[in-house]
């Protein structure tokens, strides 16, 4: 009898454990599903403005490459991204529009990102290998070797290829709620006293604090996942005392060229207007001459874009709609040559 009681007790503990585990699993699944639905809805709302699609790039998500499709990938920073213009006004989208007039099966993919340097582009080449593009344009904008890899800093993107936007959205929403749209720039610069804002906008400020707390939780969860993936710290280039930032920059440029050419891509490297004589660009040209002659084409954008012209660049760097169109027309002839020469 005592043995039966003990057996029943063991079964009861086992049932409690299974029920508890199932409850936790279902709760986490429900929370995860709700956050995913919310993230997708934000993507839908923002991707046609200044945001990214759920695959982490600008514009509509492209489908699997068709047999007769001609696909061009544009890697770069804020000019490629199209900071200050709509996604369909950025030069990759404009090039696609013009190309389709002659070659309807052309697809251009905008893989640019704000403040993206050669380090981020180096990783993007791996992240978007599945796009199976024919031609790659590299435009680093002379940002240097900033260790920014915003796609690789998203654990969900590394695991599933889905770029979350909720954390960024909550961060910006919190600032707007707490300080108001008119004071947003000063808030980012730390020029507003939070105590004054709290008194002037008590309800909005409280909602902003809730959004901030949600952002902190999501950020902590992402950081934990990254540490589990062992991908939060990427140090491919082991800096030594005798190595400079220029050495590191050219290391990543070289690796990008190697990766792309090993997969039989046609590669173009774009030099930002006014940077032709910089040390970094001199090193790039020397690398191409020494190792990639007739394999990588170097294009200086100075004859195409005058960044001092306010009609071209509204702030001396970021292109206007007209500036984006001007750049697209300058590159269009190069792409058409590929088709005309039968290289694609």
Protein backbone atom coordinates (compact mmCIF):
# COMPACT_ATOMS: atom_id res chain seq x y z
CA UNK A 1 0.00 0.00 0.00
CA UNK A 2 2.82 2.38 0.94
CA UNK A 3 4.54 1.51 -2.36
CA UNK A 4 1.39 2.44 -4.31
CA UNK A 5 1.15 5.78 -2.51
CA UNK A 6 4.80 6.53 -3.31
CA UNK A 7 4.22 5.60 -6.97
CA UNK A 8 1.21 7.89 -7.15
CA UNK A 9 3.26 10.70 -5.60
CA UNK A 10 6.00 10.26 -8.23
CA UNK A 11 3.41 10.31 -11.01
CA UNK A 12 1.84 13.43 -9.52
CA UNK A 13 5.22 15.24 -9.41
CA UNK A 14 5.90 14.16 -12.98
CA UNK A 15 2.50 15.49 -14.12
CA UNK A 16 3.10 18.81 -12.35
CA UNK A 17 6.51 19.11 -14.01
CA UNK A 18 5.07 18.34 -17.48
CA UNK A 19 2.14 20.71 -16.96
CA UNK A 20 4.43 23.51 -15.70
CA UNK A 21 6.84 23.04 -18.60
CA UNK A 22 3.99 23.02 -21.08
CA UNK A 23 2.48 26.15 -19.54
CA UNK A 24 5.81 27.99 -19.71
CA UNK A 25 6.36 26.85 -23.30
CA UNK A 26 2.89 27.94 -24.40
CA UNK A 27 3.25 31.29 -22.60
CA UNK A 28 6.60 31.98 -24.23
CA UNK A 29 5.20 30.92 -27.61
CA UNK A 30 2.26 33.29 -27.17
CA UNK A 31 4.56 36.19 -26.20
CA UNK A 32 6.92 35.41 -29.06
CA UNK A 33 4.02 35.21 -31.56
CA UNK A 34 2.57 38.51 -30.35
CA UNK A 35 5.95 40.25 -30.65
CA UNK A 36 6.48 38.78 -34.11
CA UNK A 37 3.05 39.97 -35.30
CA UNK A 38 3.76 43.42 -33.85
CA UNK A 39 7.19 43.50 -35.53
CA UNK A 40 5.72 42.48 -38.89
CA UNK A 41 3.04 45.18 -38.65
CA UNK A 42 5.71 47.83 -37.91
CA UNK A 43 7.77 46.58 -40.86
CA UNK A 44 4.73 46.94 -43.11
CA UNK A 45 4.12 50.44 -41.83
CA UNK A 46 7.67 51.72 -42.17
CA UNK A 47 9.38 49.78 -44.97
CA UNK A 48 8.05 52.11 -47.70
CA UNK A 49 9.32 55.16 -45.82
CA UNK A 50 12.72 55.01 -44.14
CA UNK A 51 12.62 51.45 -42.90
CA UNK A 52 13.75 48.02 -44.02
CA UNK A 53 11.78 44.98 -45.06
CA UNK A 54 11.77 41.89 -42.84
CA UNK A 55 14.77 40.49 -44.74
CA UNK A 56 16.87 43.44 -43.60
CA UNK A 57 17.20 45.44 -46.81
CA UNK A 58 15.38 48.33 -48.43
CA UNK A 59 12.52 47.89 -50.87
CA UNK A 60 10.28 44.93 -51.55
CA UNK A 61 11.46 41.41 -50.70
CA UNK A 62 12.73 39.67 -53.85
CA UNK A 63 11.69 36.12 -54.64
CA UNK A 64 13.96 33.26 -55.67
CA UNK A 65 15.96 34.12 -58.76
CA UNK A 66 14.35 33.06 -62.02
CA UNK A 67 16.24 31.26 -64.76
CA UNK A 68 16.45 34.26 -67.13
CA UNK A 69 16.66 36.96 -64.44
CA UNK A 70 19.47 39.53 -64.33
CA UNK A 71 20.10 40.52 -60.70
CA UNK A 72 22.30 43.33 -59.34
CA UNK A 73 23.17 43.80 -55.65
CA UNK A 74 24.18 47.18 -54.26
CA UNK A 75 26.23 47.08 -51.03
CA UNK A 76 26.90 50.37 -49.30
CA UNK A 77 26.17 53.06 -46.78
CA UNK A 78 23.71 55.95 -46.51
CA UNK A 79 23.92 57.06 -50.16
CA UNK A 80 23.12 53.55 -51.37
CA UNK A 81 20.43 53.18 -48.68
CA UNK A 82 18.90 56.44 -49.86
CA UNK A 83 18.91 58.47 -46.66
CA UNK A 84 16.42 61.32 -47.04
CA UNK A 85 14.44 59.81 -49.94
CA UNK A 86 11.85 57.06 -50.34
CA UNK A 87 13.11 53.55 -51.13
CA UNK A 88 11.99 53.76 -54.76
CA UNK A 89 13.92 57.01 -55.20
CA UNK A 90 17.28 55.55 -54.13
CA UNK A 91 19.61 54.88 -57.06
CA UNK A 92 19.35 51.03 -56.99
CA UNK A 93 15.56 51.25 -57.46
CA UNK A 94 15.91 53.94 -60.15
CA UNK A 95 18.45 51.79 -62.03
CA UNK A 96 16.05 48.85 -61.88
CA UNK A 97 13.24 51.00 -63.30
CA UNK A 98 15.36 52.18 -66.26
CA UNK A 99 16.84 48.72 -66.91
CA UNK A 100 13.42 47.10 -67.04
CA UNK A 101 12.48 49.34 -69.96
CA UNK A 102 14.97 47.35 -72.06
CA UNK A 103 15.52 44.20 -69.97
CA UNK A 104 12.24 43.42 -68.13
CA UNK A 105 13.78 40.61 -66.07
CA UNK A 106 16.18 42.91 -64.21
CA UNK A 107 16.13 43.04 -60.40
CA UNK A 108 18.13 45.45 -58.24
CA UNK A 109 18.54 44.78 -54.51
CA UNK A 110 19.41 47.68 -52.20
CA UNK A 111 21.61 46.28 -49.40
CA UNK A 112 22.78 49.69 -48.20
CA UNK A 113 22.56 50.81 -44.57
CA UNK A 114 23.12 54.10 -42.77
CA UNK A 115 26.63 54.55 -41.29
CA UNK A 116 27.67 51.24 -42.81
CA UNK A 117 31.40 50.80 -43.39
CA UNK A 118 33.50 48.19 -45.12
CA UNK A 119 33.28 45.89 -42.06
CA UNK A 120 29.50 45.71 -42.29
CA UNK A 121 29.63 45.20 -46.06
CA UNK A 122 32.13 42.35 -45.54
CA UNK A 123 29.51 40.48 -43.49
CA UNK A 124 26.61 41.47 -45.75
CA UNK A 125 28.29 39.60 -48.60
CA UNK A 126 27.82 36.41 -46.55
CA UNK A 127 24.36 37.26 -45.22
CA UNK A 128 22.94 37.83 -48.71
CA UNK A 129 24.76 35.17 -50.68
CA UNK A 130 21.38 33.41 -51.11
CA UNK A 131 20.19 36.24 -53.38
CA UNK A 132 22.31 34.74 -56.17
CA UNK A 133 23.02 38.10 -57.86
CA UNK A 134 25.11 38.45 -61.02
CA UNK A 135 26.73 41.82 -60.34
CA UNK A 136 27.87 43.46 -57.09
CA UNK A 137 28.45 47.19 -56.58
CA UNK A 138 30.51 48.07 -53.48
CA UNK A 139 30.14 51.63 -52.19
CA UNK A 140 31.62 52.09 -48.72
CA UNK A 141 31.61 55.90 -48.82
CA UNK A 142 35.00 56.02 -47.08
CA UNK A 143 33.32 55.41 -43.70
CA UNK A 144 36.39 53.40 -42.70
CA UNK A 145 36.49 50.31 -40.50
CA UNK A 146 33.62 51.12 -38.20
CA UNK A 147 32.77 47.90 -36.36
CA UNK A 148 29.13 48.50 -37.15
CA UNK A 149 27.35 45.37 -38.37
CA UNK A 150 23.77 46.16 -37.46
CA UNK A 151 22.40 43.08 -39.19
CA UNK A 152 24.86 40.81 -37.37
CA UNK A 153 23.91 42.44 -34.07
CA UNK A 154 20.43 40.97 -34.39
CA UNK A 155 20.36 37.37 -33.10
CA UNK A 156 17.04 36.72 -34.82
CA UNK A 157 18.53 37.75 -38.16
CA UNK A 158 21.53 35.45 -37.69
CA UNK A 159 19.26 32.54 -36.80
CA UNK A 160 16.40 32.99 -39.24
CA UNK A 161 17.31 35.75 -41.70
CA UNK A 162 14.52 37.92 -40.26
CA UNK A 163 15.56 41.47 -39.35
CA UNK A 164 13.60 42.72 -36.37
CA UNK A 165 12.62 46.37 -36.14
CA UNK A 166 10.74 46.44 -32.83
CA UNK A 167 13.74 47.48 -30.71
CA UNK A 168 14.57 50.45 -32.94
CA UNK A 169 10.91 51.42 -33.17
CA UNK A 170 10.46 51.35 -29.39
CA UNK A 171 13.60 53.45 -28.89
CA UNK A 172 12.38 56.18 -31.25
CA UNK A 173 8.80 55.96 -30.01
CA UNK A 174 9.98 56.36 -26.42
CA UNK A 175 11.91 59.53 -27.33
CA UNK A 176 8.91 61.00 -29.18
CA UNK A 177 6.52 60.23 -26.30
CA UNK A 178 8.84 61.67 -23.67
CA UNK A 179 10.02 64.79 -25.47
CA UNK A 180 7.67 65.40 -28.41
CA UNK A 181 8.51 65.44 -32.13
CA UNK A 182 9.61 69.10 -32.12
CA UNK A 183 12.23 68.41 -29.43
CA UNK A 184 13.42 65.06 -30.78
CA UNK A 185 16.78 66.24 -32.17
CA UNK A 186 17.68 68.07 -28.95
CA UNK A 187 16.66 65.01 -26.92
CA UNK A 188 19.04 62.79 -28.91
CA UNK A 189 21.79 65.36 -28.33
CA UNK A 190 21.07 65.36 -24.58
CA UNK A 191 20.07 69.03 -24.54
CA UNK A 192 16.74 68.53 -22.77
CA UNK A 193 16.29 68.07 -19.03
CA UNK A 194 14.20 64.93 -18.50
CA UNK A 195 12.78 66.33 -15.22
CA UNK A 196 11.32 69.34 -17.06
CA UNK A 197 9.88 67.08 -19.80
CA UNK A 198 8.34 64.87 -17.11
CA UNK A 199 6.50 67.85 -15.60
CA UNK A 200 5.35 69.23 -18.96
CA UNK A 201 4.23 65.86 -20.43
CA UNK A 202 3.50 63.55 -17.45
CA UNK A 203 1.28 60.97 -19.21
CA UNK A 204 3.31 60.87 -22.44
CA UNK A 205 6.52 60.70 -20.43
CA UNK A 206 5.21 57.72 -18.44
CA UNK A 207 4.23 55.90 -21.68
CA UNK A 208 7.66 56.70 -23.06
CA UNK A 209 9.27 55.12 -19.99
CA UNK A 210 7.20 51.96 -20.57
CA UNK A 211 8.42 51.82 -24.17
CA UNK A 212 11.99 52.32 -22.95
CA UNK A 213 11.65 49.42 -20.49
CA UNK A 214 10.31 47.16 -23.24
CA UNK A 215 13.27 48.13 -25.41
CA UNK A 216 15.69 47.27 -22.57
CA UNK A 217 14.11 43.82 -22.13
CA UNK A 218 14.29 43.06 -25.87
CA UNK A 219 17.86 44.36 -26.05
CA UNK A 220 18.92 42.17 -23.09
CA UNK A 221 17.28 39.10 -24.64
CA UNK A 222 19.02 39.78 -27.96
CA UNK A 223 22.38 40.21 -26.21
CA UNK A 224 21.91 36.93 -24.36
CA UNK A 225 21.10 35.12 -27.60
CA UNK A 226 24.15 36.62 -29.30
CA UNK A 227 26.40 35.44 -26.49
CA UNK A 228 24.93 31.95 -26.82
CA UNK A 229 25.62 32.06 -30.55
CA UNK A 230 29.17 33.32 -29.86
CA UNK A 231 28.73 35.88 -32.66
CA UNK A 232 28.56 39.13 -30.73
CA UNK A 233 32.29 39.74 -31.12
CA UNK A 234 33.74 39.23 -34.59
CA UNK A 235 37.48 39.80 -34.76
CA UNK A 236 38.62 38.45 -38.11
CA UNK A 237 41.43 40.97 -38.34
CA UNK A 238 43.82 40.58 -35.42
CA UNK A 239 45.24 44.06 -34.96
CA UNK A 240 48.87 44.36 -33.98
CA UNK A 241 50.87 47.36 -32.88
CA UNK A 242 52.32 47.85 -36.34
CA UNK A 243 48.92 47.59 -38.05
CA UNK A 244 46.95 50.73 -38.89
CA UNK A 245 43.30 51.50 -39.60
CA UNK A 246 44.21 51.64 -43.29
CA UNK A 247 45.70 48.13 -43.09
CA UNK A 248 42.48 46.87 -41.56
CA UNK A 249 40.36 48.69 -44.13
CA UNK A 250 42.21 47.21 -47.09
CA UNK A 251 42.14 43.76 -45.45
CA UNK A 252 38.33 43.76 -45.54
CA UNK A 253 38.19 45.20 -49.07
CA UNK A 254 40.49 42.40 -50.22
CA UNK A 255 38.35 39.74 -48.50
CA UNK A 256 35.17 41.16 -50.08
CA UNK A 257 36.73 40.96 -53.55
CA UNK A 258 37.94 37.41 -52.87
CA UNK A 259 34.50 36.24 -51.73
CA UNK A 260 32.64 37.78 -54.65
CA UNK A 261 35.06 36.68 -57.36
CA UNK A 262 35.20 33.14 -55.97
CA UNK A 263 31.46 32.97 -56.71
CA UNK A 264 31.93 34.36 -60.23
CA UNK A 265 30.32 37.73 -59.54
CA UNK A 266 31.08 40.79 -61.65
CA UNK A 267 32.41 43.38 -59.20
CA UNK A 268 32.42 47.19 -59.25
CA UNK A 269 33.94 49.40 -56.58
CA UNK A 270 32.58 52.96 -56.29
CA UNK A 271 34.69 55.81 -54.96
CA UNK A 272 32.70 58.62 -53.35
CA UNK A 273 33.02 62.05 -54.97
CA UNK A 274 36.03 63.94 -53.65
CA UNK A 275 37.72 60.92 -52.06
CA UNK A 276 39.80 59.79 -55.04
CA UNK A 277 43.09 61.05 -53.57
CA UNK A 278 42.47 59.84 -50.01
CA UNK A 279 44.84 57.27 -48.55
CA UNK A 280 42.18 54.57 -48.40
CA UNK A 281 41.15 55.00 -52.02
CA UNK A 282 44.77 55.02 -53.14
CA UNK A 283 45.19 51.68 -51.35
CA UNK A 284 42.07 50.27 -53.03
CA UNK A 285 43.35 51.20 -56.51
CA UNK A 286 46.75 49.72 -55.70
CA UNK A 287 45.09 46.49 -54.50
CA UNK A 288 43.05 46.24 -57.70
CA UNK A 289 46.10 46.94 -59.89
CA UNK A 290 48.23 44.40 -58.03
CA UNK A 291 45.74 41.60 -57.48
CA UNK A 292 42.45 42.19 -59.29
CA UNK A 293 43.37 43.82 -62.60
CA UNK A 294 40.59 43.19 -65.16
CA UNK A 295 38.55 41.51 -62.41
CA UNK A 296 37.26 44.48 -60.38
CA UNK A 297 36.28 47.76 -62.04
CA UNK A 298 36.95 50.95 -60.06
CA UNK A 299 34.64 53.92 -60.71
CA UNK A 300 35.35 57.41 -59.39
CA UNK A 301 32.02 59.19 -58.87
CA UNK A 302 33.55 62.70 -58.83
CA UNK A 303 32.70 63.37 -62.52
CA UNK A 304 29.13 62.18 -61.93
CA UNK A 305 28.26 63.79 -58.58
CA UNK A 306 29.09 67.25 -57.27
CA UNK A 307 28.31 66.94 -53.57
CA UNK A 308 28.71 70.71 -53.11
CA UNK A 309 25.71 71.28 -55.36
CA UNK A 310 22.62 71.54 -53.13
CA UNK A 311 20.50 70.16 -55.96
CA UNK A 312 22.62 66.98 -55.81
CA UNK A 313 23.27 66.68 -52.05
CA UNK A 314 21.06 68.52 -49.58
CA UNK A 315 23.74 68.56 -46.85
CA UNK A 316 26.98 67.99 -48.76
CA UNK A 317 26.73 64.21 -48.34
CA UNK A 318 23.24 62.73 -48.63
CA UNK A 319 21.70 62.83 -52.08
CA UNK A 320 18.47 64.50 -53.06
CA UNK A 321 16.00 62.73 -55.32
CA UNK A 322 17.67 64.47 -58.25
CA UNK A 323 21.11 63.42 -56.95
CA UNK A 324 19.99 59.79 -56.77
CA UNK A 325 18.69 59.98 -60.35
CA UNK A 326 21.97 61.54 -61.50
CA UNK A 327 23.98 58.74 -59.89
CA UNK A 328 21.71 56.06 -61.37
CA UNK A 329 22.15 57.48 -64.88
CA UNK A 330 25.92 57.56 -64.40
CA UNK A 331 26.00 53.86 -63.46
CA UNK A 332 23.32 52.75 -65.89
CA UNK A 333 25.65 52.79 -68.88
CA UNK A 334 28.09 50.45 -67.11
CA UNK A 335 25.33 47.93 -66.43
CA UNK A 336 23.97 48.17 -69.96
CA UNK A 337 27.46 47.45 -71.30
CA UNK A 338 27.44 44.14 -69.43
CA UNK A 339 24.27 43.10 -71.20
CA UNK A 340 25.40 44.50 -74.54
CA UNK A 341 28.80 42.78 -74.36
CA UNK A 342 27.18 39.48 -73.51
CA UNK A 343 28.94 39.21 -70.15
CA UNK A 344 25.63 38.42 -68.47
